[in-house]
Amino acid sequence: MHPNAVTIETFYTCFGKRDAEGMLACYAPDVEFSDPVFPDLKGEEAFAMWRMLTARAKDIRIEASGIDANDASGRAHWEAYYTFSQTGGKVHNRIDASFTFRDGKIVRHQDHFDLRAWAGMALGLKGKLLGWLPQVQGAIRKNADAGLRAYMAKKG
């Protein structure tokens, strides 16, 4: 297995254990992260997001598969099973991730998943019916960003 594939595997193993510091050891200090909820996080913002999510994830289960990498890039498929803390909704999110590496550390991590499907699971009926609307997806992003900013200010 390529060393960068081992890094990806380590990242998800640590995630499953709610070990944010182990996850972040896989990242370069200037990492860039994006997904449909957190579209543009850099460095400390990405670190804070993973710390916040692992702290809140009381019943998370992570299954990673299809891990592959070379000297410059990598990919993985992963599935997350958890209870969304704000609503109690049961979530089974299916994510495809891509990675860029520099000196054995992740410098770019991009997760792709269906935000509408996630909204249906996390937010219940409202999410199922309205999760496709740009306004609802924008509100999800705005709420997530506000939560991250509050978490960062508190940990400050």
C-alpha atoms as a PDB file:
ATOM      1  CA  MET A   1       0.000   0.000   0.000  1.00  0.00           C
ATOM      2  CA  HIS A   2       1.325   3.443  -0.931  1.00  0.00           C
ATOM      3  CA  PRO A   3       2.297   5.597   2.085  1.00  0.00           C
ATOM      4  CA  ASN A   4      -0.294   8.212   1.113  1.00  0.00           C
ATOM      5  CA  ALA A   5      -2.974   5.507   1.050  1.00  0.00           C
ATOM      6  CA  VAL A   6      -1.885   4.591   4.583  1.00  0.00           C
ATOM      7  CA  THR A   7      -2.361   8.252   5.533  1.00  0.00           C
ATOM      8  CA  ILE A   8      -5.921   8.188   4.183  1.00  0.00           C
ATOM      9  CA  GLU A   9      -6.624   4.933   6.025  1.00  0.00           C
ATOM     10  CA  THR A  10      -5.204   6.422   9.240  1.00  0.00           C
ATOM     11  CA  PHE A  11      -7.396   9.514   8.826  1.00  0.00           C
ATOM     12  CA  TYR A  12     -10.601   7.445   8.678  1.00  0.00           C
ATOM     13  CA  THR A  13      -9.523   5.020  11.403  1.00  0.00           C
ATOM     14  CA  CYS A  14      -8.956   7.984  13.704  1.00  0.00           C
ATOM     15  CA  PHE A  15     -12.287   9.499  12.647  1.00  0.00           C
ATOM     16  CA  GLY A  16     -14.073   6.308  13.629  1.00  0.00           C
ATOM     17  CA  LYS A  17     -12.427   6.562  17.059  1.00  0.00           C
ATOM     18  CA  ARG A  18     -13.394  10.257  17.342  1.00  0.00           C
ATOM     19  CA  ASP A  19      -9.664  11.051  17.511  1.00  0.00           C
ATOM     20  CA  ALA A  20      -9.512  14.510  15.943  1.00  0.00           C
ATOM     21  CA  GLU A  21      -5.836  15.005  16.751  1.00  0.00           C
ATOM     22  CA  GLY A  22      -4.960  11.748  14.991  1.00  0.00           C
ATOM     23  CA  MET A  23      -6.958  12.895  11.963  1.00  0.00           C
ATOM     24  CA  LEU A  24      -5.300  16.294  11.935  1.00  0.00           C
ATOM     25  CA  ALA A  25      -1.832  14.767  12.082  1.00  0.00           C
ATOM     26  CA  CYS A  26      -2.577  13.597   8.521  1.00  0.00           C
ATOM     27  CA  TYR A  27      -3.130  17.191   7.359  1.00  0.00           C
ATOM     28  CA  ALA A  28      -0.594  19.864   6.409  1.00  0.00           C
ATOM     29  CA  PRO A  29      -0.990  23.077   8.463  1.00  0.00           C
ATOM     30  CA  ASP A  30      -2.265  24.913   5.364  1.00  0.00           C
ATOM     31  CA  VAL A  31      -4.782  22.224   4.341  1.00  0.00           C
ATOM     32  CA  GLU A  32      -7.813  23.218   2.289  1.00  0.00           C
ATOM     33  CA  PHE A  33     -11.059  21.322   2.906  1.00  0.00           C
ATOM     34  CA  SER A  34     -14.395  21.497   1.141  1.00  0.00           C
ATOM     35  CA  ASP A  35     -17.682  19.627   1.096  1.00  0.00           C
ATOM     36  CA  PRO A  36     -21.297  20.607   0.358  1.00  0.00           C
ATOM     37  CA  VAL A  37     -21.819  21.928   3.907  1.00  0.00           C
ATOM     38  CA  PHE A  38     -18.396  23.508   4.559  1.00  0.00           C
ATOM     39  CA  PRO A  39     -17.386  24.642   1.060  1.00  0.00           C
ATOM     40  CA  ASP A  40     -14.127  26.490   1.738  1.00  0.00           C
ATOM     41  CA  LEU A  41     -12.167  25.877   4.926  1.00  0.00           C
ATOM     42  CA  LYS A  42      -8.459  26.541   5.271  1.00  0.00           C
ATOM     43  CA  GLY A  43      -5.940  25.500   7.920  1.00  0.00           C
ATOM     44  CA  GLU A  44      -7.243  26.155  11.419  1.00  0.00           C
ATOM     45  CA  GLU A  45     -10.844  26.317  10.175  1.00  0.00           C
ATOM     46  CA  ALA A  46     -10.586  22.751   8.884  1.00  0.00           C
ATOM     47  CA  PHE A  47      -8.889  21.641  12.104  1.00  0.00           C
ATOM     48  CA  ALA A  48     -11.666  23.230  14.180  1.00  0.00           C
ATOM     49  CA  MET A  49     -14.380  21.623  12.038  1.00  0.00           C
ATOM     50  CA  TRP A  50     -13.025  18.104  12.641  1.00  0.00           C
ATOM     51  CA  ARG A  51     -12.546  18.808  16.358  1.00  0.00           C
ATOM     52  CA  MET A  52     -16.126  20.076  16.577  1.00  0.00           C
ATOM     53  CA  LEU A  53     -17.592  17.159  14.623  1.00  0.00           C
ATOM     54  CA  THR A  54     -15.717  14.484  16.565  1.00  0.00           C
ATOM     55  CA  ALA A  55     -16.671  16.119  19.882  1.00  0.00           C
ATOM     56  CA  ARG A  56     -20.359  16.118  18.921  1.00  0.00           C
ATOM     57  CA  ALA A  57     -20.427  12.674  17.291  1.00  0.00           C
ATOM     58  CA  LYS A  58     -21.545  10.465  20.150  1.00  0.00           C
ATOM     59  CA  ASP A  59     -22.519   7.422  18.068  1.00  0.00           C
ATOM     60  CA  ILE A  60     -20.546   7.760  14.842  1.00  0.00           C
ATOM     61  CA  ARG A  61     -19.451   4.785  12.786  1.00  0.00           C
ATOM     62  CA  ILE A  62     -17.120   5.262   9.814  1.00  0.00           C
ATOM     63  CA  GLU A  63     -16.546   2.746   7.027  1.00  0.00           C
ATOM     64  CA  ALA A  64     -13.876   3.621   4.480  1.00  0.00           C
ATOM     65  CA  SER A  65     -13.270   1.681   1.275  1.00  0.00           C
ATOM     66  CA  GLY A  66     -11.728   2.111  -2.152  1.00  0.00           C
ATOM     67  CA  ILE A  67      -8.686   3.819  -0.680  1.00  0.00           C
ATOM     68  CA  ASP A  68      -6.068   4.487  -3.351  1.00  0.00           C
ATOM     69  CA  ALA A  69      -3.209   6.956  -3.603  1.00  0.00           C
ATOM     70  CA  ASN A  70       0.020   7.805  -5.368  1.00  0.00           C
ATOM     71  CA  ASP A  71       2.705  10.418  -4.660  1.00  0.00           C
ATOM     72  CA  ALA A  72       0.445  13.353  -5.536  1.00  0.00           C
ATOM     73  CA  SER A  73      -3.182  12.382  -5.020  1.00  0.00           C
ATOM     74  CA  GLY A  74      -5.602   9.903  -3.541  1.00  0.00           C
ATOM     75  CA  ARG A  75      -9.222   8.961  -3.178  1.00  0.00           C
ATOM     76  CA  ALA A  76     -11.578   7.051  -0.928  1.00  0.00           C
ATOM     77  CA  HIS A  77     -15.213   6.229  -0.506  1.00  0.00           C
ATOM     78  CA  TRP A  78     -16.504   6.470   3.017  1.00  0.00           C
ATOM     79  CA  GLU A  79     -19.795   6.092   4.770  1.00  0.00           C
ATOM     80  CA  ALA A  80     -20.779   7.763   8.017  1.00  0.00           C
ATOM     81  CA  TYR A  81     -23.542   6.510  10.298  1.00  0.00           C
ATOM     82  CA  TYR A  82     -24.551   8.849  13.121  1.00  0.00           C
ATOM     83  CA  THR A  83     -27.320  10.747  14.854  1.00  0.00           C
ATOM     84  CA  PHE A  84     -27.521  14.412  13.836  1.00  0.00           C
ATOM     85  CA  SER A  85     -27.314  16.134  17.226  1.00  0.00           C
ATOM     86  CA  GLN A  86     -29.542  19.101  16.371  1.00  0.00           C
ATOM     87  CA  THR A  87     -32.589  17.019  15.375  1.00  0.00           C
ATOM     88  CA  GLY A  88     -31.957  13.450  16.460  1.00  0.00           C
ATOM     89  CA  GLY A  89     -32.211  12.380  12.796  1.00  0.00           C
ATOM     90  CA  LYS A  90     -30.399   9.169  11.855  1.00  0.00           C
ATOM     91  CA  VAL A  91     -27.898   9.792   9.059  1.00  0.00           C
ATOM     92  CA  HIS A  92     -26.198   7.360   6.701  1.00  0.00           C
ATOM     93  CA  ASN A  93     -24.091   9.607   4.491  1.00  0.00           C
ATOM     94  CA  ARG A  94     -22.195   8.234   1.478  1.00  0.00           C
ATOM     95  CA  ILE A  95     -19.155  10.314   0.567  1.00  0.00           C
ATOM     96  CA  ASP A  96     -16.522  10.214  -2.161  1.00  0.00           C
ATOM     97  CA  ALA A  97     -13.312  11.957  -1.174  1.00  0.00           C
ATOM     98  CA  SER A  98     -10.361  13.195  -3.161  1.00  0.00           C
ATOM     99  CA  PHE A  99      -7.016  14.213  -1.709  1.00  0.00           C
ATOM    100  CA  THR A 100      -3.908  16.074  -2.791  1.00  0.00           C
ATOM    101  CA  PHE A 101      -0.627  15.388  -0.990  1.00  0.00           C
ATOM    102  CA  ARG A 102       2.591  17.285  -0.314  1.00  0.00           C
ATOM    103  CA  ASP A 103       5.445  15.660   1.588  1.00  0.00           C
ATOM    104  CA  GLY A 104       3.189  12.862   2.840  1.00  0.00           C
ATOM    105  CA  LYS A 105       0.533  15.208   4.282  1.00  0.00           C
ATOM    106  CA  ILE A 106      -2.921  16.018   2.946  1.00  0.00           C
ATOM    107  CA  VAL A 107      -2.974  19.567   1.545  1.00  0.00           C
ATOM    108  CA  ARG A 108      -6.371  19.376  -0.165  1.00  0.00           C
ATOM    109  CA  HIS A 109      -9.348  17.267   0.926  1.00  0.00           C
ATOM    110  CA  GLN A 110     -12.599  17.458  -0.993  1.00  0.00           C
ATOM    111  CA  ASP A 111     -15.684  15.464   0.007  1.00  0.00           C
ATOM    112  CA  HIS A 112     -18.596  14.976  -2.398  1.00  0.00           C
ATOM    113  CA  PHE A 113     -22.047  13.868  -1.238  1.00  0.00           C
ATOM    114  CA  ASP A 114     -25.708  14.505  -1.975  1.00  0.00           C
ATOM    115  CA  LEU A 115     -26.694  17.430   0.242  1.00  0.00           C
ATOM    116  CA  ARG A 116     -30.382  16.904  -0.533  1.00  0.00           C
ATOM    117  CA  ALA A 117     -30.227  13.289   0.679  1.00  0.00           C
ATOM    118  CA  TRP A 118     -28.298  14.372   3.773  1.00  0.00           C
ATOM    119  CA  ALA A 119     -30.897  17.067   4.530  1.00  0.00           C
ATOM    120  CA  GLY A 120     -33.667  14.479   4.313  1.00  0.00           C
ATOM    121  CA  MET A 121     -31.965  12.284   6.888  1.00  0.00           C
ATOM    122  CA  ALA A 122     -30.659  15.004   9.201  1.00  0.00           C
ATOM    123  CA  LEU A 123     -33.579  17.441   9.058  1.00  0.00           C
ATOM    124  CA  GLY A 124     -36.502  15.056   8.627  1.00  0.00           C
ATOM    125  CA  LEU A 125     -39.590  15.866   6.573  1.00  0.00           C
ATOM    126  CA  LYS A 126     -38.616  19.490   5.960  1.00  0.00           C
ATOM    127  CA  GLY A 127     -35.255  18.345   4.610  1.00  0.00           C
ATOM    128  CA  LYS A 128     -36.871  15.651   2.470  1.00  0.00           C
ATOM    129  CA  LEU A 129     -39.345  18.067   0.932  1.00  0.00           C
ATOM    130  CA  LEU A 130     -37.201  21.183   0.659  1.00  0.00           C
ATOM    131  CA  GLY A 131     -33.583  19.960   0.774  1.00  0.00           C
ATOM    132  CA  TRP A 132     -33.138  20.507  -2.953  1.00  0.00           C
ATOM    133  CA  LEU A 133     -33.898  24.240  -2.749  1.00  0.00           C
ATOM    134  CA  PRO A 134     -30.856  26.531  -3.019  1.00  0.00           C
ATOM    135  CA  GLN A 135     -32.257  28.639  -0.158  1.00  0.00           C
ATOM    136  CA  VAL A 136     -32.449  25.616   2.144  1.00  0.00           C
ATOM    137  CA  GLN A 137     -28.971  24.446   1.174  1.00  0.00           C
ATOM    138  CA  GLY A 138     -27.700  27.989   1.760  1.00  0.00           C
ATOM    139  CA  ALA A 139     -29.325  28.008   5.196  1.00  0.00           C
ATOM    140  CA  ILE A 140     -27.658  24.664   6.007  1.00  0.00           C
ATOM    141  CA  ARG A 141     -24.263  26.141   5.075  1.00  0.00           C
ATOM    142  CA  LYS A 142     -24.915  29.363   6.981  1.00  0.00           C
ATOM    143  CA  ASN A 143     -25.987  27.471  10.113  1.00  0.00           C
ATOM    144  CA  ALA A 144     -22.966  25.154   9.893  1.00  0.00           C
ATOM    145  CA  ASP A 145     -20.605  28.110   9.453  1.00  0.00           C
ATOM    146  CA  ALA A 146     -22.173  29.931  12.415  1.00  0.00           C
ATOM    147  CA  GLY A 147     -21.758  26.801  14.529  1.00  0.00           C
ATOM    148  CA  LEU A 148     -18.114  26.481  13.487  1.00  0.00           C
ATOM    149  CA  ARG A 149     -17.397  30.167  14.217  1.00  0.00           C
ATOM    150  CA  ALA A 150     -19.035  29.843  17.658  1.00  0.00           C
ATOM    151  CA  TYR A 151     -17.009  26.697  18.368  1.00  0.00           C
ATOM    152  CA  MET A 152     -13.774  28.430  17.307  1.00  0.00           C
ATOM    153  CA  ALA A 153     -14.542  31.495  19.450  1.00  0.00           C
ATOM    154  CA  LYS A 154     -15.285  29.291  22.468  1.00  0.00           C
ATOM    155  CA  LYS A 155     -12.079  27.266  22.041  1.00  0.00           C
ATOM    156  CA  GLY A 156     -10.197  30.459  21.117  1.00  0.00           C
END
